[in-house]
């Protein structure tokens, strides 16, 4: 798969990541690919993504979900939640709370992912963060 990095890069740059993952899934379903081959392809896709689209968080989420990478998915969701909070803090008008709502949603999604892998402390932390954001949204300014 490392020889395909050039092709992967072109597909990712041109927004064809979803198609690439669909084609790979179809090929993997017909062939009994080894875990090593799947791991190699996953690493090649992630390496190309980091190189060509390092800020495309939706693309990373798509890859993490496709390959059932739950820890990485939860970490990405927590990162997005923190970014949304930071955007709200930089706002002049704090009455606009869309960023806080997004952040709360990301923490809830991260908690759901953590609970699916029995990560109790992380689930509790994400739920607590979402709860605090809920209180922040209800506070008058």
N, C-alpha and C. Protein backbone atom coordinates (compact mmCIF):
# COMPACT_ATOMS: atom_id res chain seq x y z
N UNK A 1 0.81 -1.21 0.00
CA UNK A 1 0.00 0.00 0.00
C UNK A 1 0.85 1.26 0.00
N UNK A 2 2.06 1.15 0.48
CA UNK A 2 2.90 2.35 0.53
C UNK A 2 3.26 2.82 -0.88
N UNK A 3 3.28 1.89 -1.85
CA UNK A 3 3.54 2.28 -3.23
C UNK A 3 2.37 3.07 -3.81
N UNK A 4 1.21 2.98 -3.19
CA UNK A 4 0.02 3.68 -3.68
C UNK A 4 -0.16 5.06 -3.07
N UNK A 5 0.80 5.52 -2.28
CA UNK A 5 0.66 6.81 -1.61
C UNK A 5 0.39 7.94 -2.58
N UNK A 6 1.01 7.91 -3.75
CA UNK A 6 0.81 8.95 -4.75
C UNK A 6 -0.65 8.97 -5.19
N UNK A 7 -1.19 7.81 -5.49
CA UNK A 7 -2.58 7.71 -5.93
C UNK A 7 -3.53 8.09 -4.79
N UNK A 8 -3.22 7.62 -3.59
CA UNK A 8 -4.04 7.99 -2.43
C UNK A 8 -4.06 9.50 -2.25
N UNK A 9 -2.90 10.12 -2.39
CA UNK A 9 -2.80 11.57 -2.25
C UNK A 9 -3.67 12.30 -3.25
N UNK A 10 -3.65 11.86 -4.49
CA UNK A 10 -4.46 12.49 -5.54
C UNK A 10 -5.95 12.33 -5.22
N UNK A 11 -6.35 11.13 -4.84
CA UNK A 11 -7.77 10.91 -4.52
C UNK A 11 -8.21 11.76 -3.32
N UNK A 12 -7.37 11.82 -2.31
CA UNK A 12 -7.73 12.59 -1.11
C UNK A 12 -7.78 14.08 -1.43
N UNK A 13 -6.79 14.56 -2.20
CA UNK A 13 -6.78 15.98 -2.57
C UNK A 13 -8.01 16.38 -3.36
N UNK A 14 -8.54 15.45 -4.14
CA UNK A 14 -9.69 15.75 -4.99
C UNK A 14 -11.01 15.33 -4.36
N UNK A 15 -11.02 15.13 -3.06
CA UNK A 15 -12.28 14.86 -2.36
C UNK A 15 -12.88 13.50 -2.64
N UNK A 16 -12.07 12.53 -2.97
CA UNK A 16 -12.58 11.20 -3.32
C UNK A 16 -12.35 10.17 -2.20
N UNK A 17 -12.16 10.63 -0.98
CA UNK A 17 -11.88 9.73 0.13
C UNK A 17 -13.02 8.73 0.34
N UNK A 18 -14.24 9.20 0.29
CA UNK A 18 -15.39 8.32 0.49
C UNK A 18 -15.42 7.22 -0.57
N UNK A 19 -15.18 7.60 -1.82
CA UNK A 19 -15.15 6.62 -2.91
C UNK A 19 -14.02 5.61 -2.68
N UNK A 20 -12.87 6.09 -2.27
CA UNK A 20 -11.73 5.22 -2.00
C UNK A 20 -12.07 4.19 -0.93
N UNK A 21 -12.68 4.63 0.15
CA UNK A 21 -13.04 3.71 1.23
C UNK A 21 -14.11 2.71 0.79
N UNK A 22 -15.06 3.17 -0.03
CA UNK A 22 -16.09 2.26 -0.54
C UNK A 22 -15.48 1.18 -1.43
N UNK A 23 -14.58 1.59 -2.32
CA UNK A 23 -13.93 0.64 -3.23
C UNK A 23 -13.08 -0.35 -2.44
N UNK A 24 -12.39 0.15 -1.43
CA UNK A 24 -11.56 -0.75 -0.63
C UNK A 24 -12.43 -1.75 0.11
N UNK A 25 -13.56 -1.29 0.66
CA UNK A 25 -14.46 -2.20 1.37
C UNK A 25 -15.00 -3.27 0.45
N UNK A 26 -15.36 -2.87 -0.77
CA UNK A 26 -15.87 -3.84 -1.74
C UNK A 26 -14.80 -4.87 -2.08
N UNK A 27 -13.57 -4.42 -2.26
CA UNK A 27 -12.48 -5.34 -2.58
C UNK A 27 -12.15 -6.23 -1.38
N UNK A 28 -12.20 -5.67 -0.20
CA UNK A 28 -11.89 -6.44 1.01
C UNK A 28 -12.97 -7.49 1.28
N UNK A 29 -14.22 -7.19 0.91
CA UNK A 29 -15.30 -8.15 1.11
C UNK A 29 -15.15 -9.36 0.21
N UNK A 30 -14.66 -9.15 -1.01
CA UNK A 30 -14.52 -10.26 -1.95
C UNK A 30 -13.25 -11.06 -1.69
N UNK A 31 -12.23 -10.41 -1.19
CA UNK A 31 -10.98 -11.10 -0.85
C UNK A 31 -10.87 -11.18 0.66
N UNK A 32 -10.34 -12.25 1.13
CA UNK A 32 -10.14 -12.35 2.57
C UNK A 32 -8.78 -11.73 2.89
N UNK A 33 -8.78 -10.41 3.06
CA UNK A 33 -7.55 -9.69 3.36
C UNK A 33 -7.09 -9.95 4.78
N UNK A 34 -5.81 -10.00 4.93
CA UNK A 34 -5.27 -10.22 6.27
C UNK A 34 -5.38 -8.95 7.09
N UNK A 35 -5.28 -9.12 8.39
CA UNK A 35 -5.33 -7.95 9.28
C UNK A 35 -4.16 -7.02 8.98
N UNK A 36 -3.04 -7.60 8.59
CA UNK A 36 -1.87 -6.78 8.28
C UNK A 36 -2.12 -5.91 7.05
N UNK A 37 -2.80 -6.45 6.04
CA UNK A 37 -3.11 -5.68 4.84
C UNK A 37 -4.07 -4.54 5.16
N UNK A 38 -5.07 -4.83 5.99
CA UNK A 38 -6.03 -3.79 6.40
C UNK A 38 -5.31 -2.70 7.17
N UNK A 39 -4.44 -3.11 8.10
CA UNK A 39 -3.68 -2.15 8.89
C UNK A 39 -2.78 -1.29 7.99
N UNK A 40 -2.15 -1.93 7.01
CA UNK A 40 -1.29 -1.19 6.08
C UNK A 40 -2.07 -0.18 5.26
N UNK A 41 -3.24 -0.58 4.76
CA UNK A 41 -4.06 0.35 3.99
C UNK A 41 -4.54 1.49 4.86
N UNK A 42 -4.98 1.17 6.07
CA UNK A 42 -5.44 2.20 7.00
C UNK A 42 -4.33 3.22 7.28
N UNK A 43 -3.13 2.73 7.53
CA UNK A 43 -2.01 3.63 7.81
C UNK A 43 -1.66 4.47 6.58
N UNK A 44 -1.73 3.87 5.40
CA UNK A 44 -1.43 4.61 4.18
C UNK A 44 -2.45 5.73 3.96
N UNK A 45 -3.72 5.43 4.19
CA UNK A 45 -4.77 6.44 4.03
C UNK A 45 -4.58 7.56 5.05
N UNK A 46 -4.33 7.20 6.30
CA UNK A 46 -4.14 8.22 7.34
C UNK A 46 -2.90 9.06 7.09
N UNK A 47 -1.83 8.44 6.63
CA UNK A 47 -0.60 9.18 6.32
C UNK A 47 -0.85 10.17 5.19
N UNK A 48 -1.54 9.72 4.14
CA UNK A 48 -1.86 10.62 3.02
C UNK A 48 -2.77 11.74 3.47
N UNK A 49 -3.73 11.42 4.30
CA UNK A 49 -4.66 12.43 4.80
C UNK A 49 -3.93 13.47 5.64
N UNK A 50 -3.03 13.03 6.50
CA UNK A 50 -2.25 13.97 7.32
C UNK A 50 -1.36 14.85 6.46
N UNK A 51 -0.89 14.29 5.36
CA UNK A 51 0.00 15.05 4.48
C UNK A 51 -0.77 16.05 3.61
N UNK A 52 -1.88 15.61 3.02
CA UNK A 52 -2.58 16.44 2.05
C UNK A 52 -3.73 17.26 2.64
N UNK A 53 -4.39 16.78 3.67
CA UNK A 53 -5.53 17.49 4.27
C UNK A 53 -5.48 17.42 5.79
N UNK A 54 -4.45 17.97 6.41
CA UNK A 54 -4.32 17.80 7.87
C UNK A 54 -5.41 18.49 8.68
N UNK A 55 -6.12 19.45 8.11
CA UNK A 55 -7.15 20.18 8.85
C UNK A 55 -8.57 19.70 8.57
N UNK A 56 -8.71 18.68 7.73
CA UNK A 56 -10.03 18.18 7.38
C UNK A 56 -10.49 17.16 8.42
N UNK A 57 -11.07 17.65 9.50
CA UNK A 57 -11.47 16.78 10.60
C UNK A 57 -12.60 15.83 10.20
N UNK A 58 -13.44 16.26 9.26
CA UNK A 58 -14.51 15.37 8.80
C UNK A 58 -13.93 14.15 8.09
N UNK A 59 -12.86 14.36 7.32
CA UNK A 59 -12.22 13.24 6.62
C UNK A 59 -11.60 12.27 7.62
N UNK A 60 -10.96 12.80 8.65
CA UNK A 60 -10.39 11.92 9.68
C UNK A 60 -11.51 11.14 10.38
N UNK A 61 -12.61 11.81 10.67
CA UNK A 61 -13.74 11.13 11.32
C UNK A 61 -14.27 10.01 10.43
N UNK A 62 -14.33 10.26 9.13
CA UNK A 62 -14.80 9.26 8.18
C UNK A 62 -13.89 8.03 8.20
N UNK A 63 -12.58 8.25 8.18
CA UNK A 63 -11.62 7.14 8.20
C UNK A 63 -11.70 6.39 9.52
N UNK A 64 -11.74 7.13 10.63
CA UNK A 64 -11.80 6.49 11.94
C UNK A 64 -13.06 5.63 12.07
N UNK A 65 -14.17 6.15 11.58
CA UNK A 65 -15.42 5.41 11.64
C UNK A 65 -15.37 4.18 10.73
N UNK A 66 -14.84 4.38 9.53
CA UNK A 66 -14.77 3.28 8.56
C UNK A 66 -13.96 2.11 9.09
N UNK A 67 -12.87 2.41 9.76
CA UNK A 67 -12.00 1.35 10.28
C UNK A 67 -12.28 1.02 11.75
N UNK A 68 -13.38 1.53 12.29
CA UNK A 68 -13.82 1.24 13.65
C UNK A 68 -12.73 1.57 14.67
N UNK A 69 -12.15 2.76 14.53
CA UNK A 69 -11.09 3.23 15.42
C UNK A 69 -11.74 4.09 16.51
N UNK A 70 -12.29 3.45 17.51
CA UNK A 70 -13.12 4.14 18.50
C UNK A 70 -12.34 5.11 19.38
N UNK A 71 -11.15 4.72 19.82
CA UNK A 71 -10.36 5.63 20.66
C UNK A 71 -10.03 6.91 19.90
N UNK A 72 -9.62 6.76 18.64
CA UNK A 72 -9.28 7.92 17.83
C UNK A 72 -10.51 8.77 17.55
N UNK A 73 -11.65 8.12 17.32
CA UNK A 73 -12.90 8.84 17.09
C UNK A 73 -13.26 9.69 18.31
N UNK A 74 -13.17 9.10 19.49
CA UNK A 74 -13.50 9.83 20.72
C UNK A 74 -12.54 10.99 20.94
N UNK A 75 -11.26 10.76 20.70
CA UNK A 75 -10.26 11.83 20.86
C UNK A 75 -10.54 12.97 19.90
N UNK A 76 -10.89 12.64 18.66
CA UNK A 76 -11.22 13.67 17.67
C UNK A 76 -12.45 14.46 18.10
N UNK A 77 -13.46 13.78 18.59
CA UNK A 77 -14.67 14.47 19.05
C UNK A 77 -14.38 15.40 20.22
N UNK A 78 -13.55 14.95 21.16
CA UNK A 78 -13.17 15.81 22.28
C UNK A 78 -12.39 17.03 21.79
N UNK A 79 -11.53 16.82 20.83
CA UNK A 79 -10.75 17.94 20.27
C UNK A 79 -11.67 18.95 19.59
N UNK A 80 -12.65 18.45 18.85
CA UNK A 80 -13.59 19.35 18.19
C UNK A 80 -14.43 20.11 19.22
N UNK A 81 -14.79 19.45 20.31
CA UNK A 81 -15.55 20.11 21.37
C UNK A 81 -14.74 21.24 21.97
N UNK A 82 -13.47 20.99 22.23
CA UNK A 82 -12.61 22.02 22.81
C UNK A 82 -12.42 23.19 21.84
N UNK A 83 -12.30 22.89 20.54
CA UNK A 83 -12.16 23.95 19.54
C UNK A 83 -13.42 24.82 19.50
N UNK A 84 -14.58 24.19 19.59
CA UNK A 84 -15.83 24.95 19.58
C UNK A 84 -15.94 25.86 20.80
N UNK A 85 -15.50 25.37 21.95
CA UNK A 85 -15.49 26.20 23.16
C UNK A 85 -14.56 27.40 22.98
N UNK A 86 -13.39 27.15 22.42
CA UNK A 86 -12.43 28.24 22.20
C UNK A 86 -13.00 29.28 21.24
N UNK A 87 -13.73 28.84 20.21
CA UNK A 87 -14.35 29.78 19.29
C UNK A 87 -15.36 30.66 20.03
N UNK A 88 -16.13 30.05 20.93
CA UNK A 88 -17.12 30.82 21.68
C UNK A 88 -16.43 31.84 22.58
N UNK A 89 -15.32 31.44 23.23
CA UNK A 89 -14.60 32.37 24.12
C UNK A 89 -14.07 33.58 23.35
N UNK A 90 -13.72 33.39 22.09
CA UNK A 90 -13.19 34.50 21.28
C UNK A 90 -14.28 35.39 20.71
N UNK A 91 -15.53 34.98 20.83
CA UNK A 91 -16.63 35.78 20.30
C UNK A 91 -16.81 37.05 21.12
N UNK A 92 -17.17 38.11 20.42
CA UNK A 92 -17.49 39.36 21.10
C UNK A 92 -18.86 39.25 21.75
N UNK A 93 -19.81 38.70 21.00
CA UNK A 93 -21.18 38.56 21.48
C UNK A 93 -21.37 37.15 22.04
N UNK A 94 -21.34 37.04 23.35
CA UNK A 94 -21.45 35.73 24.00
C UNK A 94 -22.88 35.18 23.97
N UNK A 95 -23.85 36.00 23.54
CA UNK A 95 -25.23 35.51 23.44
C UNK A 95 -25.39 34.47 22.34
N UNK A 96 -24.52 34.49 21.38
CA UNK A 96 -24.57 33.50 20.31
C UNK A 96 -23.90 32.23 20.82
N UNK A 97 -24.72 31.23 21.09
CA UNK A 97 -24.19 30.04 21.73
C UNK A 97 -24.15 28.80 20.83
N UNK A 98 -24.12 29.00 19.51
CA UNK A 98 -24.05 27.86 18.60
C UNK A 98 -22.79 27.04 18.83
N UNK A 99 -21.68 27.74 19.10
CA UNK A 99 -20.42 27.04 19.34
C UNK A 99 -20.51 26.17 20.60
N UNK A 100 -21.19 26.68 21.63
CA UNK A 100 -21.34 25.89 22.85
C UNK A 100 -22.24 24.68 22.61
N UNK A 101 -23.28 24.87 21.81
CA UNK A 101 -24.14 23.74 21.47
C UNK A 101 -23.37 22.67 20.70
N UNK A 102 -22.54 23.12 19.74
CA UNK A 102 -21.70 22.17 19.00
C UNK A 102 -20.76 21.44 19.94
N UNK A 103 -20.15 22.18 20.83
CA UNK A 103 -19.22 21.59 21.79
C UNK A 103 -19.92 20.56 22.67
N UNK A 104 -21.10 20.90 23.14
CA UNK A 104 -21.86 19.98 23.97
C UNK A 104 -22.19 18.70 23.19
N UNK A 105 -22.59 18.87 21.95
CA UNK A 105 -22.91 17.71 21.10
C UNK A 105 -21.68 16.82 20.90
N UNK A 106 -20.52 17.43 20.65
CA UNK A 106 -19.30 16.65 20.47
C UNK A 106 -18.93 15.89 21.74
N UNK A 107 -19.08 16.53 22.90
CA UNK A 107 -18.78 15.83 24.15
C UNK A 107 -19.75 14.66 24.37
N UNK A 108 -21.01 14.86 24.03
CA UNK A 108 -21.99 13.77 24.17
C UNK A 108 -21.64 12.62 23.24
N UNK A 109 -21.27 12.94 22.00
CA UNK A 109 -20.88 11.89 21.05
C UNK A 109 -19.62 11.16 21.53
N UNK A 110 -18.66 11.91 22.08
CA UNK A 110 -17.44 11.29 22.61
C UNK A 110 -17.79 10.37 23.78
N UNK A 111 -18.71 10.79 24.63
CA UNK A 111 -19.14 9.95 25.76
C UNK A 111 -19.78 8.66 25.26
N UNK A 112 -20.58 8.77 24.20
CA UNK A 112 -21.20 7.56 23.64
C UNK A 112 -20.15 6.60 23.12
N UNK A 113 -19.14 7.13 22.43
CA UNK A 113 -18.07 6.27 21.91
C UNK A 113 -17.30 5.63 23.07
N UNK A 114 -16.95 6.45 24.07
CA UNK A 114 -16.22 5.91 25.22
C UNK A 114 -17.03 4.84 25.94
N UNK A 115 -18.33 5.05 26.07
CA UNK A 115 -19.15 4.05 26.77
C UNK A 115 -19.22 2.75 25.98
N UNK A 116 -19.11 2.83 24.66
CA UNK A 116 -19.15 1.61 23.84
C UNK A 116 -17.89 0.77 23.97
N UNK A 117 -16.82 1.38 24.48
CA UNK A 117 -15.57 0.62 24.67
C UNK A 117 -15.24 0.48 26.15
N UNK A 118 -16.25 0.69 26.98
CA UNK A 118 -16.11 0.53 28.44
C UNK A 118 -15.00 1.39 29.03
N UNK A 119 -14.91 2.63 28.58
CA UNK A 119 -13.95 3.59 29.15
C UNK A 119 -14.72 4.49 30.11
N UNK A 120 -14.97 3.98 31.31
CA UNK A 120 -15.86 4.63 32.26
C UNK A 120 -15.44 6.02 32.68
N UNK A 121 -14.17 6.20 33.03
CA UNK A 121 -13.72 7.52 33.49
C UNK A 121 -13.82 8.56 32.38
N UNK A 122 -13.46 8.17 31.18
CA UNK A 122 -13.54 9.12 30.06
C UNK A 122 -15.00 9.42 29.72
N UNK A 123 -15.86 8.43 29.83
CA UNK A 123 -17.29 8.65 29.60
C UNK A 123 -17.82 9.65 30.62
N UNK A 124 -17.47 9.44 31.89
CA UNK A 124 -17.92 10.34 32.95
C UNK A 124 -17.41 11.75 32.72
N UNK A 125 -16.14 11.89 32.32
CA UNK A 125 -15.56 13.22 32.09
C UNK A 125 -16.28 13.93 30.94
N UNK A 126 -16.54 13.21 29.85
CA UNK A 126 -17.23 13.83 28.71
C UNK A 126 -18.66 14.23 29.08
N UNK A 127 -19.35 13.39 29.86
CA UNK A 127 -20.71 13.73 30.31
C UNK A 127 -20.68 14.96 31.21
N UNK A 128 -19.69 15.04 32.08
CA UNK A 128 -19.57 16.20 32.97
C UNK A 128 -19.31 17.47 32.17
N UNK A 129 -18.47 17.38 31.15
CA UNK A 129 -18.20 18.55 30.30
C UNK A 129 -19.47 19.00 29.59
N UNK A 130 -20.22 18.05 29.05
CA UNK A 130 -21.47 18.38 28.37
C UNK A 130 -22.46 19.01 29.34
N UNK A 131 -22.51 18.51 30.55
CA UNK A 131 -23.40 19.06 31.57
C UNK A 131 -23.02 20.49 31.93
N UNK A 132 -21.72 20.74 32.09
CA UNK A 132 -21.26 22.10 32.37
C UNK A 132 -21.60 23.06 31.23
N UNK A 133 -21.45 22.59 30.01
CA UNK A 133 -21.80 23.43 28.87
C UNK A 133 -23.29 23.73 28.85
N UNK A 134 -24.10 22.76 29.22
CA UNK A 134 -25.54 22.98 29.30
C UNK A 134 -25.87 24.08 30.30
N UNK A 135 -25.19 24.06 31.43
CA UNK A 135 -25.38 25.11 32.43
C UNK A 135 -24.92 26.47 31.91
N UNK A 136 -23.79 26.48 31.21
CA UNK A 136 -23.25 27.73 30.65
C UNK A 136 -24.24 28.34 29.66
N UNK A 137 -24.85 27.50 28.85
CA UNK A 137 -25.80 27.99 27.85
C UNK A 137 -27.01 28.64 28.52
N UNK A 138 -27.44 28.08 29.64
CA UNK A 138 -28.63 28.59 30.34
C UNK A 138 -28.36 29.83 31.17
N UNK A 139 -27.10 30.12 31.44
CA UNK A 139 -26.77 31.29 32.27
C UNK A 139 -27.07 32.59 31.52
N UNK A 140 -27.68 33.55 32.19
CA UNK A 140 -27.91 34.84 31.53
C UNK A 140 -26.60 35.62 31.45
N UNK A 141 -26.52 36.50 30.45
CA UNK A 141 -25.29 37.29 30.26
C UNK A 141 -25.48 38.70 30.69
